Amino acid sequence: CLFIPLLIIIQGKDIELFRAITGGSNYD
């Protein structure tokens, strides 16, 4: 309920940030 809408918006706005999150390089 929380991660999915955030990740969708982040993927659309900042693909590098999306990759950093989902690639496990930044957990916070």
mmCIF file of all heavy atoms, coordinates in Angstrom:
data_MODEL
# 
_entry.id   MODEL 
# 
loop_
_atom_site.group_PDB 
_atom_site.id 
_atom_site.type_symbol 
_atom_site.label_atom_id 
_atom_site.label_alt_id 
_atom_site.label_comp_id 
_atom_site.label_asym_id 
_atom_site.label_entity_id 
_atom_site.label_seq_id 
_atom_site.pdbx_PDB_ins_code 
_atom_site.Cartn_x 
_atom_site.Cartn_y 
_atom_site.Cartn_z 
_atom_site.occupancy 
_atom_site.B_iso_or_equiv 
_atom_site.pdbx_formal_charge 
_atom_site.auth_seq_id 
_atom_site.auth_comp_id 
_atom_site.auth_asym_id 
_atom_site.auth_atom_id 
_atom_site.pdbx_PDB_model_num 
ATOM 1   N N   . CYS A 1 1  ? 0.802  -1.223 0.000   1.00 0.00 ? 1  CYS A N   1 
ATOM 2   C CA  . CYS A 1 1  ? 0.000  0.000  0.000   1.00 0.00 ? 1  CYS A CA  1 
ATOM 3   C C   . CYS A 1 1  ? 0.839  1.279  0.000   1.00 0.00 ? 1  CYS A C   1 
ATOM 4   O O   . CYS A 1 1  ? 0.378  2.320  -0.485  1.00 0.00 ? 1  CYS A O   1 
ATOM 5   C CB  . CYS A 1 1  ? -0.936 0.025  1.211   1.00 0.00 ? 1  CYS A CB  1 
ATOM 6   S SG  . CYS A 1 1  ? -2.178 -1.275 1.197   1.00 0.00 ? 1  CYS A SG  1 
ATOM 7   N N   . LEU A 1 2  ? 2.046  1.207  0.545   1.00 0.00 ? 2  LEU A N   1 
ATOM 8   C CA  . LEU A 1 2  ? 2.898  2.392  0.606   1.00 0.00 ? 2  LEU A CA  1 
ATOM 9   C C   . LEU A 1 2  ? 4.005  2.377  -0.440  1.00 0.00 ? 2  LEU A C   1 
ATOM 10  O O   . LEU A 1 2  ? 4.223  3.352  -1.151  1.00 0.00 ? 2  LEU A O   1 
ATOM 11  C CB  . LEU A 1 2  ? 3.524  2.529  1.998   1.00 0.00 ? 2  LEU A CB  1 
ATOM 12  C CG  . LEU A 1 2  ? 2.574  2.727  3.180   1.00 0.00 ? 2  LEU A CG  1 
ATOM 13  C CD1 . LEU A 1 2  ? 3.370  2.966  4.456   1.00 0.00 ? 2  LEU A CD1 1 
ATOM 14  C CD2 . LEU A 1 2  ? 1.587  3.858  2.940   1.00 0.00 ? 2  LEU A CD2 1 
ATOM 15  N N   . PHE A 1 3  ? 4.716  1.267  -0.515  1.00 0.00 ? 3  PHE A N   1 
ATOM 16  C CA  . PHE A 1 3  ? 5.874  1.231  -1.414  1.00 0.00 ? 3  PHE A CA  1 
ATOM 17  C C   . PHE A 1 3  ? 5.469  1.329  -2.876  1.00 0.00 ? 3  PHE A C   1 
ATOM 18  O O   . PHE A 1 3  ? 6.137  2.007  -3.669  1.00 0.00 ? 3  PHE A O   1 
ATOM 19  C CB  . PHE A 1 3  ? 6.681  -0.050 -1.192  1.00 0.00 ? 3  PHE A CB  1 
ATOM 20  C CG  . PHE A 1 3  ? 7.525  -0.054 0.054   1.00 0.00 ? 3  PHE A CG  1 
ATOM 21  C CD1 . PHE A 1 3  ? 7.212  0.764  1.137   1.00 0.00 ? 3  PHE A CD1 1 
ATOM 22  C CD2 . PHE A 1 3  ? 8.629  -0.872 0.155   1.00 0.00 ? 3  PHE A CD2 1 
ATOM 23  C CE1 . PHE A 1 3  ? 7.981  0.758  2.285   1.00 0.00 ? 3  PHE A CE1 1 
ATOM 24  C CE2 . PHE A 1 3  ? 9.414  -0.879 1.296   1.00 0.00 ? 3  PHE A CE2 1 
ATOM 25  C CZ  . PHE A 1 3  ? 9.091  -0.069 2.368   1.00 0.00 ? 3  PHE A CZ  1 
ATOM 26  N N   . ILE A 1 4  ? 4.414  0.642  -3.251  1.00 0.00 ? 4  ILE A N   1 
ATOM 27  C CA  . ILE A 1 4  ? 4.068  0.575  -4.680  1.00 0.00 ? 4  ILE A CA  1 
ATOM 28  C C   . ILE A 1 4  ? 3.729  1.945  -5.263  1.00 0.00 ? 4  ILE A C   1 
ATOM 29  O O   . ILE A 1 4  ? 4.297  2.337  -6.295  1.00 0.00 ? 4  ILE A O   1 
ATOM 30  C CB  . ILE A 1 4  ? 2.951  -0.455 -4.925  1.00 0.00 ? 4  ILE A CB  1 
ATOM 31  C CG1 . ILE A 1 4  ? 3.549  -1.863 -4.811  1.00 0.00 ? 4  ILE A CG1 1 
ATOM 32  C CG2 . ILE A 1 4  ? 2.317  -0.257 -6.296  1.00 0.00 ? 4  ILE A CG2 1 
ATOM 33  C CD1 . ILE A 1 4  ? 2.535  -2.970 -4.906  1.00 0.00 ? 4  ILE A CD1 1 
ATOM 34  N N   . PRO A 1 5  ? 2.812  2.725  -4.673  1.00 0.00 ? 5  PRO A N   1 
ATOM 35  C CA  . PRO A 1 5  ? 2.557  4.040  -5.282  1.00 0.00 ? 5  PRO A CA  1 
ATOM 36  C C   . PRO A 1 5  ? 3.784  4.945  -5.264  1.00 0.00 ? 5  PRO A C   1 
ATOM 37  O O   . PRO A 1 5  ? 4.021  5.691  -6.222  1.00 0.00 ? 5  PRO A O   1 
ATOM 38  C CB  . PRO A 1 5  ? 1.415  4.618  -4.432  1.00 0.00 ? 5  PRO A CB  1 
ATOM 39  C CG  . PRO A 1 5  ? 1.395  3.820  -3.176  1.00 0.00 ? 5  PRO A CG  1 
ATOM 40  C CD  . PRO A 1 5  ? 1.905  2.472  -3.534  1.00 0.00 ? 5  PRO A CD  1 
ATOM 41  N N   . LEU A 1 6  ? 4.588  4.863  -4.203  1.00 0.00 ? 6  LEU A N   1 
ATOM 42  C CA  . LEU A 1 6  ? 5.815  5.660  -4.159  1.00 0.00 ? 6  LEU A CA  1 
ATOM 43  C C   . LEU A 1 6  ? 6.771  5.260  -5.278  1.00 0.00 ? 6  LEU A C   1 
ATOM 44  O O   . LEU A 1 6  ? 7.320  6.117  -5.991  1.00 0.00 ? 6  LEU A O   1 
ATOM 45  C CB  . LEU A 1 6  ? 6.510  5.487  -2.812  1.00 0.00 ? 6  LEU A CB  1 
ATOM 46  C CG  . LEU A 1 6  ? 5.894  6.201  -1.603  1.00 0.00 ? 6  LEU A CG  1 
ATOM 47  C CD1 . LEU A 1 6  ? 6.592  5.756  -0.332  1.00 0.00 ? 6  LEU A CD1 1 
ATOM 48  C CD2 . LEU A 1 6  ? 5.984  7.713  -1.760  1.00 0.00 ? 6  LEU A CD2 1 
ATOM 49  N N   . LEU A 1 7  ? 6.962  3.962  -5.457  1.00 0.00 ? 7  LEU A N   1 
ATOM 50  C CA  . LEU A 1 7  ? 7.900  3.486  -6.478  1.00 0.00 ? 7  LEU A CA  1 
ATOM 51  C C   . LEU A 1 7  ? 7.421  3.830  -7.889  1.00 0.00 ? 7  LEU A C   1 
ATOM 52  O O   . LEU A 1 7  ? 8.231  4.139  -8.769  1.00 0.00 ? 7  LEU A O   1 
ATOM 53  C CB  . LEU A 1 7  ? 8.101  1.979  -6.341  1.00 0.00 ? 7  LEU A CB  1 
ATOM 54  C CG  . LEU A 1 7  ? 8.923  1.528  -5.128  1.00 0.00 ? 7  LEU A CG  1 
ATOM 55  C CD1 . LEU A 1 7  ? 8.825  0.008  -4.962  1.00 0.00 ? 7  LEU A CD1 1 
ATOM 56  C CD2 . LEU A 1 7  ? 10.374 1.967  -5.259  1.00 0.00 ? 7  LEU A CD2 1 
ATOM 57  N N   . ILE A 1 8  ? 6.117  3.788  -8.111  1.00 0.00 ? 8  ILE A N   1 
ATOM 58  C CA  . ILE A 1 8  ? 5.591  4.138  -9.433  1.00 0.00 ? 8  ILE A CA  1 
ATOM 59  C C   . ILE A 1 8  ? 5.881  5.604  -9.754  1.00 0.00 ? 8  ILE A C   1 
ATOM 60  O O   . ILE A 1 8  ? 6.323  5.943  -10.862 1.00 0.00 ? 8  ILE A O   1 
ATOM 61  C CB  . ILE A 1 8  ? 4.081  3.845  -9.513  1.00 0.00 ? 8  ILE A CB  1 
ATOM 62  C CG1 . ILE A 1 8  ? 3.829  2.334  -9.496  1.00 0.00 ? 8  ILE A CG1 1 
ATOM 63  C CG2 . ILE A 1 8  ? 3.472  4.463  -10.777 1.00 0.00 ? 8  ILE A CG2 1 
ATOM 64  C CD1 . ILE A 1 8  ? 2.372  1.948  -9.378  1.00 0.00 ? 8  ILE A CD1 1 
ATOM 65  N N   . ILE A 1 9  ? 5.635  6.472  -8.782  1.00 0.00 ? 9  ILE A N   1 
ATOM 66  C CA  . ILE A 1 9  ? 5.904  7.893  -8.994  1.00 0.00 ? 9  ILE A CA  1 
ATOM 67  C C   . ILE A 1 9  ? 7.402  8.134  -9.174  1.00 0.00 ? 9  ILE A C   1 
ATOM 68  O O   . ILE A 1 9  ? 7.829  8.881  -10.065 1.00 0.00 ? 9  ILE A O   1 
ATOM 69  C CB  . ILE A 1 9  ? 5.369  8.733  -7.815  1.00 0.00 ? 9  ILE A CB  1 
ATOM 70  C CG1 . ILE A 1 9  ? 3.838  8.650  -7.748  1.00 0.00 ? 9  ILE A CG1 1 
ATOM 71  C CG2 . ILE A 1 9  ? 5.816  10.181 -7.941  1.00 0.00 ? 9  ILE A CG2 1 
ATOM 72  C CD1 . ILE A 1 9  ? 3.111  9.256  -8.918  1.00 0.00 ? 9  ILE A CD1 1 
ATOM 73  N N   . ILE A 1 10 ? 8.218  7.503  -8.339  1.00 0.00 ? 10 ILE A N   1 
ATOM 74  C CA  . ILE A 1 10 ? 9.660  7.692  -8.428  1.00 0.00 ? 10 ILE A CA  1 
ATOM 75  C C   . ILE A 1 10 ? 10.189 7.186  -9.766  1.00 0.00 ? 10 ILE A C   1 
ATOM 76  O O   . ILE A 1 10 ? 11.021 7.838  -10.413 1.00 0.00 ? 10 ILE A O   1 
ATOM 77  C CB  . ILE A 1 10 ? 10.372 6.974  -7.266  1.00 0.00 ? 10 ILE A CB  1 
ATOM 78  C CG1 . ILE A 1 10 ? 10.052 7.678  -5.943  1.00 0.00 ? 10 ILE A CG1 1 
ATOM 79  C CG2 . ILE A 1 10 ? 11.886 6.930  -7.485  1.00 0.00 ? 10 ILE A CG2 1 
ATOM 80  C CD1 . ILE A 1 10 ? 10.508 6.914  -4.716  1.00 0.00 ? 10 ILE A CD1 1 
ATOM 81  N N   . GLN A 1 11 ? 9.705  6.035  -10.213 1.00 0.00 ? 11 GLN A N   1 
ATOM 82  C CA  . GLN A 1 11 ? 10.139 5.505  -11.510 1.00 0.00 ? 11 GLN A CA  1 
ATOM 83  C C   . GLN A 1 11 ? 9.815  6.486  -12.638 1.00 0.00 ? 11 GLN A C   1 
ATOM 84  O O   . GLN A 1 11 ? 10.603 6.666  -13.570 1.00 0.00 ? 11 GLN A O   1 
ATOM 85  C CB  . GLN A 1 11 ? 9.476  4.162  -11.780 1.00 0.00 ? 11 GLN A CB  1 
ATOM 86  C CG  . GLN A 1 11 ? 9.966  3.476  -13.050 1.00 0.00 ? 11 GLN A CG  1 
ATOM 87  C CD  . GLN A 1 11 ? 9.135  2.252  -13.406 1.00 0.00 ? 11 GLN A CD  1 
ATOM 88  O OE1 . GLN A 1 11 ? 7.913  2.306  -13.451 1.00 0.00 ? 11 GLN A OE1 1 
ATOM 89  N NE2 . GLN A 1 11 ? 9.815  1.137  -13.628 1.00 0.00 ? 11 GLN A NE2 1 
ATOM 90  N N   . GLY A 1 12 ? 8.652  7.119  -12.554 1.00 0.00 ? 12 GLY A N   1 
ATOM 91  C CA  . GLY A 1 12 ? 8.257  8.064  -13.588 1.00 0.00 ? 12 GLY A CA  1 
ATOM 92  C C   . GLY A 1 12 ? 9.001  9.382  -13.533 1.00 0.00 ? 12 GLY A C   1 
ATOM 93  O O   . GLY A 1 12 ? 9.170  10.053 -14.547 1.00 0.00 ? 12 GLY A O   1 
ATOM 94  N N   . LYS A 1 13 ? 9.457  9.758  -12.335 1.00 0.00 ? 13 LYS A N   1 
ATOM 95  C CA  . LYS A 1 13 ? 10.102 11.061 -12.153 1.00 0.00 ? 13 LYS A CA  1 
ATOM 96  C C   . LYS A 1 13 ? 11.623 10.997 -12.154 1.00 0.00 ? 13 LYS A C   1 
ATOM 97  O O   . LYS A 1 13 ? 12.293 11.927 -12.608 1.00 0.00 ? 13 LYS A O   1 
ATOM 98  C CB  . LYS A 1 13 ? 9.628  11.675 -10.823 1.00 0.00 ? 13 LYS A CB  1 
ATOM 99  C CG  . LYS A 1 13 ? 8.179  12.129 -10.807 1.00 0.00 ? 13 LYS A CG  1 
ATOM 100 C CD  . LYS A 1 13 ? 7.997  13.390 -11.598 1.00 0.00 ? 13 LYS A CD  1 
ATOM 101 C CE  . LYS A 1 13 ? 6.602  13.944 -11.476 1.00 0.00 ? 13 LYS A CE  1 
ATOM 102 N NZ  . LYS A 1 13 ? 6.410  15.203 -12.234 1.00 0.00 ? 13 LYS A NZ  1 
ATOM 103 N N   . ASP A 1 14 ? 12.180 9.934  -11.594 1.00 0.00 ? 14 ASP A N   1 
ATOM 104 C CA  . ASP A 1 14 ? 13.636 9.868  -11.410 1.00 0.00 ? 14 ASP A CA  1 
ATOM 105 C C   . ASP A 1 14 ? 14.084 8.415  -11.487 1.00 0.00 ? 14 ASP A C   1 
ATOM 106 O O   . ASP A 1 14 ? 14.163 7.722  -10.483 1.00 0.00 ? 14 ASP A O   1 
ATOM 107 C CB  . ASP A 1 14 ? 14.009 10.478 -10.047 1.00 0.00 ? 14 ASP A CB  1 
ATOM 108 C CG  . ASP A 1 14 ? 15.511 10.645 -9.854  1.00 0.00 ? 14 ASP A CG  1 
ATOM 109 O OD1 . ASP A 1 14 ? 16.283 9.997  -10.578 1.00 0.00 ? 14 ASP A OD1 1 
ATOM 110 O OD2 . ASP A 1 14 ? 15.904 11.419 -8.959  1.00 0.00 ? 14 ASP A OD2 1 
ATOM 111 N N   . ILE A 1 15 ? 14.391 7.965  -12.692 1.00 0.00 ? 15 ILE A N   1 
ATOM 112 C CA  . ILE A 1 15 ? 14.704 6.554  -12.906 1.00 0.00 ? 15 ILE A CA  1 
ATOM 113 C C   . ILE A 1 15 ? 15.984 6.148  -12.178 1.00 0.00 ? 15 ILE A C   1 
ATOM 114 O O   . ILE A 1 15 ? 16.111 5.000  -11.723 1.00 0.00 ? 15 ILE A O   1 
ATOM 115 C CB  . ILE A 1 15 ? 14.811 6.243  -14.419 1.00 0.00 ? 15 ILE A CB  1 
ATOM 116 C CG1 . ILE A 1 15 ? 14.908 4.729  -14.657 1.00 0.00 ? 15 ILE A CG1 1 
ATOM 117 C CG2 . ILE A 1 15 ? 15.973 6.981  -15.035 1.00 0.00 ? 15 ILE A CG2 1 
ATOM 118 C CD1 . ILE A 1 15 ? 13.713 3.948  -14.192 1.00 0.00 ? 15 ILE A CD1 1 
ATOM 119 N N   . GLU A 1 16 ? 16.931 7.061  -12.025 1.00 0.00 ? 16 GLU A N   1 
ATOM 120 C CA  . GLU A 1 16 ? 18.170 6.728  -11.319 1.00 0.00 ? 16 GLU A CA  1 
ATOM 121 C C   . GLU A 1 16 ? 17.896 6.470  -9.841  1.00 0.00 ? 16 GLU A C   1 
ATOM 122 O O   . GLU A 1 16 ? 18.476 5.557  -9.240  1.00 0.00 ? 16 GLU A O   1 
ATOM 123 C CB  . GLU A 1 16 ? 19.200 7.844  -11.489 1.00 0.00 ? 16 GLU A CB  1 
ATOM 124 C CG  . GLU A 1 16 ? 19.734 7.983  -12.911 1.00 0.00 ? 16 GLU A CG  1 
ATOM 125 C CD  . GLU A 1 16 ? 20.354 6.684  -13.425 1.00 0.00 ? 16 GLU A CD  1 
ATOM 126 O OE1 . GLU A 1 16 ? 21.066 6.019  -12.640 1.00 0.00 ? 16 GLU A OE1 1 
ATOM 127 O OE2 . GLU A 1 16 ? 20.128 6.338  -14.595 1.00 0.00 ? 16 GLU A OE2 1 
ATOM 128 N N   . LEU A 1 17 ? 17.022 7.256  -9.261  1.00 0.00 ? 17 LEU A N   1 
ATOM 129 C CA  . LEU A 1 17 ? 16.647 7.036  -7.862  1.00 0.00 ? 17 LEU A CA  1 
ATOM 130 C C   . LEU A 1 17 ? 15.906 5.714  -7.716  1.00 0.00 ? 17 LEU A C   1 
ATOM 131 O O   . LEU A 1 17 ? 16.142 4.959  -6.764  1.00 0.00 ? 17 LEU A O   1 
ATOM 132 C CB  . LEU A 1 17 ? 15.771 8.193  -7.362  1.00 0.00 ? 17 LEU A CB  1 
ATOM 133 C CG  . LEU A 1 17 ? 15.286 8.092  -5.910  1.00 0.00 ? 17 LEU A CG  1 
ATOM 134 C CD1 . LEU A 1 17 ? 16.469 8.039  -4.950  1.00 0.00 ? 17 LEU A CD1 1 
ATOM 135 C CD2 . LEU A 1 17 ? 14.367 9.261  -5.580  1.00 0.00 ? 17 LEU A CD2 1 
ATOM 136 N N   . PHE A 1 18 ? 15.039 5.418  -8.658  1.00 0.00 ? 18 PHE A N   1 
ATOM 137 C CA  . PHE A 1 18 ? 14.320 4.145  -8.639  1.00 0.00 ? 18 PHE A CA  1 
ATOM 138 C C   . PHE A 1 18 ? 15.302 2.974  -8.670  1.00 0.00 ? 18 PHE A C   1 
ATOM 139 O O   . PHE A 1 18 ? 15.152 2.004  -7.915  1.00 0.00 ? 18 PHE A O   1 
ATOM 140 C CB  . PHE A 1 18 ? 13.368 4.076  -9.831  1.00 0.00 ? 18 PHE A CB  1 
ATOM 141 C CG  . PHE A 1 18 ? 12.635 2.766  -9.961  1.00 0.00 ? 18 PHE A CG  1 
ATOM 142 C CD1 . PHE A 1 18 ? 11.514 2.494  -9.191  1.00 0.00 ? 18 PHE A CD1 1 
ATOM 143 C CD2 . PHE A 1 18 ? 13.075 1.795  -10.856 1.00 0.00 ? 18 PHE A CD2 1 
ATOM 144 C CE1 . PHE A 1 18 ? 10.845 1.284  -9.300  1.00 0.00 ? 18 PHE A CE1 1 
ATOM 145 C CE2 . PHE A 1 18 ? 12.417 0.590  -10.980 1.00 0.00 ? 18 PHE A CE2 1 
ATOM 146 C CZ  . PHE A 1 18 ? 11.291 0.330  -10.202 1.00 0.00 ? 18 PHE A CZ  1 
ATOM 147 N N   . ARG A 1 19 ? 16.309 3.067  -9.506  1.00 0.00 ? 19 ARG A N   1 
ATOM 148 C CA  . ARG A 1 19 ? 17.300 1.988  -9.606  1.00 0.00 ? 19 ARG A CA  1 
ATOM 149 C C   . ARG A 1 19 ? 18.129 1.876  -8.333  1.00 0.00 ? 19 ARG A C   1 
ATOM 150 O O   . ARG A 1 19 ? 18.496 0.771  -7.926  1.00 0.00 ? 19 ARG A O   1 
ATOM 151 C CB  . ARG A 1 19 ? 18.204 2.234  -10.809 1.00 0.00 ? 19 ARG A CB  1 
ATOM 152 C CG  . ARG A 1 19 ? 17.499 2.009  -12.144 1.00 0.00 ? 19 ARG A CG  1 
ATOM 153 C CD  . ARG A 1 19 ? 18.343 2.496  -13.303 1.00 0.00 ? 19 ARG A CD  1 
ATOM 154 N NE  . ARG A 1 19 ? 17.673 2.264  -14.586 1.00 0.00 ? 19 ARG A NE  1 
ATOM 155 C CZ  . ARG A 1 19 ? 18.010 2.862  -15.726 1.00 0.00 ? 19 ARG A CZ  1 
ATOM 156 N NH1 . ARG A 1 19 ? 19.021 3.730  -15.739 1.00 0.00 ? 19 ARG A NH1 1 
ATOM 157 N NH2 . ARG A 1 19 ? 17.340 2.604  -16.837 1.00 0.00 ? 19 ARG A NH2 1 
ATOM 158 N N   . ALA A 1 20 ? 18.427 3.016  -7.703  1.00 0.00 ? 20 ALA A N   1 
ATOM 159 C CA  . ALA A 1 20 ? 19.193 2.985  -6.453  1.00 0.00 ? 20 ALA A CA  1 
ATOM 160 C C   . ALA A 1 20 ? 18.406 2.273  -5.361  1.00 0.00 ? 20 ALA A C   1 
ATOM 161 O O   . ALA A 1 20 ? 18.964 1.499  -4.573  1.00 0.00 ? 20 ALA A O   1 
ATOM 162 C CB  . ALA A 1 20 ? 19.539 4.409  -6.018  1.00 0.00 ? 20 ALA A CB  1 
ATOM 163 N N   . ILE A 1 21 ? 17.089 2.516  -5.325  1.00 0.00 ? 21 ILE A N   1 
ATOM 164 C CA  . ILE A 1 21 ? 16.246 1.878  -4.301  1.00 0.00 ? 21 ILE A CA  1 
ATOM 165 C C   . ILE A 1 21 ? 16.108 0.395  -4.576  1.00 0.00 ? 21 ILE A C   1 
ATOM 166 O O   . ILE A 1 21 ? 16.392 -0.449 -3.715  1.00 0.00 ? 21 ILE A O   1 
ATOM 167 C CB  . ILE A 1 21 ? 14.857 2.547  -4.266  1.00 0.00 ? 21 ILE A CB  1 
ATOM 168 C CG1 . ILE A 1 21 ? 14.965 4.001  -3.808  1.00 0.00 ? 21 ILE A CG1 1 
ATOM 169 C CG2 . ILE A 1 21 ? 13.921 1.767  -3.331  1.00 0.00 ? 21 ILE A CG2 1 
ATOM 170 C CD1 . ILE A 1 21 ? 13.685 4.786  -3.993  1.00 0.00 ? 21 ILE A CD1 1 
ATOM 171 N N   . THR A 1 22 ? 15.674 0.056  -5.773  1.00 0.00 ? 22 THR A N   1 
ATOM 172 C CA  . THR A 1 22 ? 15.377 -1.342 -6.078  1.00 0.00 ? 22 THR A CA  1 
ATOM 173 C C   . THR A 1 22 ? 16.625 -2.179 -6.296  1.00 0.00 ? 22 THR A C   1 
ATOM 174 O O   . THR A 1 22 ? 16.565 -3.410 -6.232  1.00 0.00 ? 22 THR A O   1 
ATOM 175 C CB  . THR A 1 22 ? 14.474 -1.439 -7.325  1.00 0.00 ? 22 THR A CB  1 
ATOM 176 O OG1 . THR A 1 22 ? 15.124 -0.799 -8.438  1.00 0.00 ? 22 THR A OG1 1 
ATOM 177 C CG2 . THR A 1 22 ? 13.133 -0.744 -7.083  1.00 0.00 ? 22 THR A CG2 1 
ATOM 178 N N   . GLY A 1 23 ? 17.762 -1.522 -6.525  1.00 0.00 ? 23 GLY A N   1 
ATOM 179 C CA  . GLY A 1 23 ? 19.018 -2.254 -6.652  1.00 0.00 ? 23 GLY A CA  1 
ATOM 180 C C   . GLY A 1 23 ? 19.699 -2.508 -5.322  1.00 0.00 ? 23 GLY A C   1 
ATOM 181 O O   . GLY A 1 23 ? 20.738 -3.159 -5.267  1.00 0.00 ? 23 GLY A O   1 
ATOM 182 N N   . GLY A 1 24 ? 19.116 -1.993 -4.244  1.00 0.00 ? 24 GLY A N   1 
ATOM 183 C CA  . GLY A 1 24 ? 19.647 -2.248 -2.916  1.00 0.00 ? 24 GLY A CA  1 
ATOM 184 C C   . GLY A 1 24 ? 20.826 -1.395 -2.523  1.00 0.00 ? 24 GLY A C   1 
ATOM 185 O O   . GLY A 1 24 ? 21.531 -1.716 -1.569  1.00 0.00 ? 24 GLY A O   1 
ATOM 186 N N   . SER A 1 25 ? 21.038 -0.266 -3.215  1.00 0.00 ? 25 SER A N   1 
ATOM 187 C CA  . SER A 1 25 ? 22.173 0.587  -2.857  1.00 0.00 ? 25 SER A CA  1 
ATOM 188 C C   . SER A 1 25 ? 21.791 1.694  -1.890  1.00 0.00 ? 25 SER A C   1 
ATOM 189 O O   . SER A 1 25 ? 22.670 2.383  -1.356  1.00 0.00 ? 25 SER A O   1 
ATOM 190 C CB  . SER A 1 25 ? 22.809 1.198  -4.110  1.00 0.00 ? 25 SER A CB  1 
ATOM 191 O OG  . SER A 1 25 ? 21.879 2.008  -4.805  1.00 0.00 ? 25 SER A OG  1 
ATOM 192 N N   . ASN A 1 26 ? 20.496 1.884  -1.659  1.00 0.00 ? 26 ASN A N   1 
ATOM 193 C CA  . ASN A 1 26 ? 20.059 2.896  -0.693  1.00 0.00 ? 26 ASN A CA  1 
ATOM 194 C C   . ASN A 1 26 ? 18.744 2.430  -0.072  1.00 0.00 ? 26 ASN A C   1 
ATOM 195 O O   . ASN A 1 26 ? 17.702 2.461  -0.715  1.00 0.00 ? 26 ASN A O   1 
ATOM 196 C CB  . ASN A 1 26 ? 19.883 4.255  -1.367  1.00 0.00 ? 26 ASN A CB  1 
ATOM 197 C CG  . ASN A 1 26 ? 19.734 5.381  -0.371  1.00 0.00 ? 26 ASN A CG  1 
ATOM 198 O OD1 . ASN A 1 26 ? 19.165 5.204  0.713   1.00 0.00 ? 26 ASN A OD1 1 
ATOM 199 N ND2 . ASN A 1 26 ? 20.240 6.551  -0.710  1.00 0.00 ? 26 ASN A ND2 1 
ATOM 200 N N   . TYR A 1 27 ? 18.805 2.022  1.197   1.00 0.00 ? 27 TYR A N   1 
ATOM 201 C CA  . TYR A 1 27 ? 17.627 1.488  1.864   1.00 0.00 ? 27 TYR A CA  1 
ATOM 202 C C   . TYR A 1 27 ? 16.812 2.553  2.587   1.00 0.00 ? 27 TYR A C   1 
ATOM 203 O O   . TYR A 1 27 ? 15.713 2.266  3.078   1.00 0.00 ? 27 TYR A O   1 
ATOM 204 C CB  . TYR A 1 27 ? 18.043 0.426  2.887   1.00 0.00 ? 27 TYR A CB  1 
ATOM 205 C CG  . TYR A 1 27 ? 18.699 -0.792 2.292   1.00 0.00 ? 27 TYR A CG  1 
ATOM 206 C CD1 . TYR A 1 27 ? 19.900 -1.270 2.792   1.00 0.00 ? 27 TYR A CD1 1 
ATOM 207 C CD2 . TYR A 1 27 ? 18.108 -1.464 1.222   1.00 0.00 ? 27 TYR A CD2 1 
ATOM 208 C CE1 . TYR A 1 27 ? 20.511 -2.397 2.258   1.00 0.00 ? 27 TYR A CE1 1 
ATOM 209 C CE2 . TYR A 1 27 ? 18.711 -2.580 0.670   1.00 0.00 ? 27 TYR A CE2 1 
ATOM 210 C CZ  . TYR A 1 27 ? 19.913 -3.042 1.193   1.00 0.00 ? 27 TYR A CZ  1 
ATOM 211 O OH  . TYR A 1 27 ? 20.505 -4.154 0.647   1.00 0.00 ? 27 TYR A OH  1 
ATOM 212 N N   . ASP A 1 28 ? 17.315 3.776  2.675   1.00 0.00 ? 28 ASP A N   1 
ATOM 213 C CA  . ASP A 1 28 ? 16.661 4.793  3.497   1.00 0.00 ? 28 ASP A CA  1 
ATOM 214 C C   . ASP A 1 28 ? 15.969 5.895  2.704   1.00 0.00 ? 28 ASP A C   1 
ATOM 215 O O   . ASP A 1 28 ? 15.159 6.635  3.245   1.00 0.00 ? 28 ASP A O   1 
ATOM 216 C CB  . ASP A 1 28 ? 17.677 5.423  4.450   1.00 0.00 ? 28 ASP A CB  1 
ATOM 217 C CG  . ASP A 1 28 ? 18.238 4.406  5.432   1.00 0.00 ? 28 ASP A CG  1 
ATOM 218 O OD1 . ASP A 1 28 ? 17.435 3.656  6.016   1.00 0.00 ? 28 ASP A OD1 1 
ATOM 219 O OD2 . ASP A 1 28 ? 19.465 4.358  5.594   1.00 0.00 ? 28 ASP A OD2 1 
# 
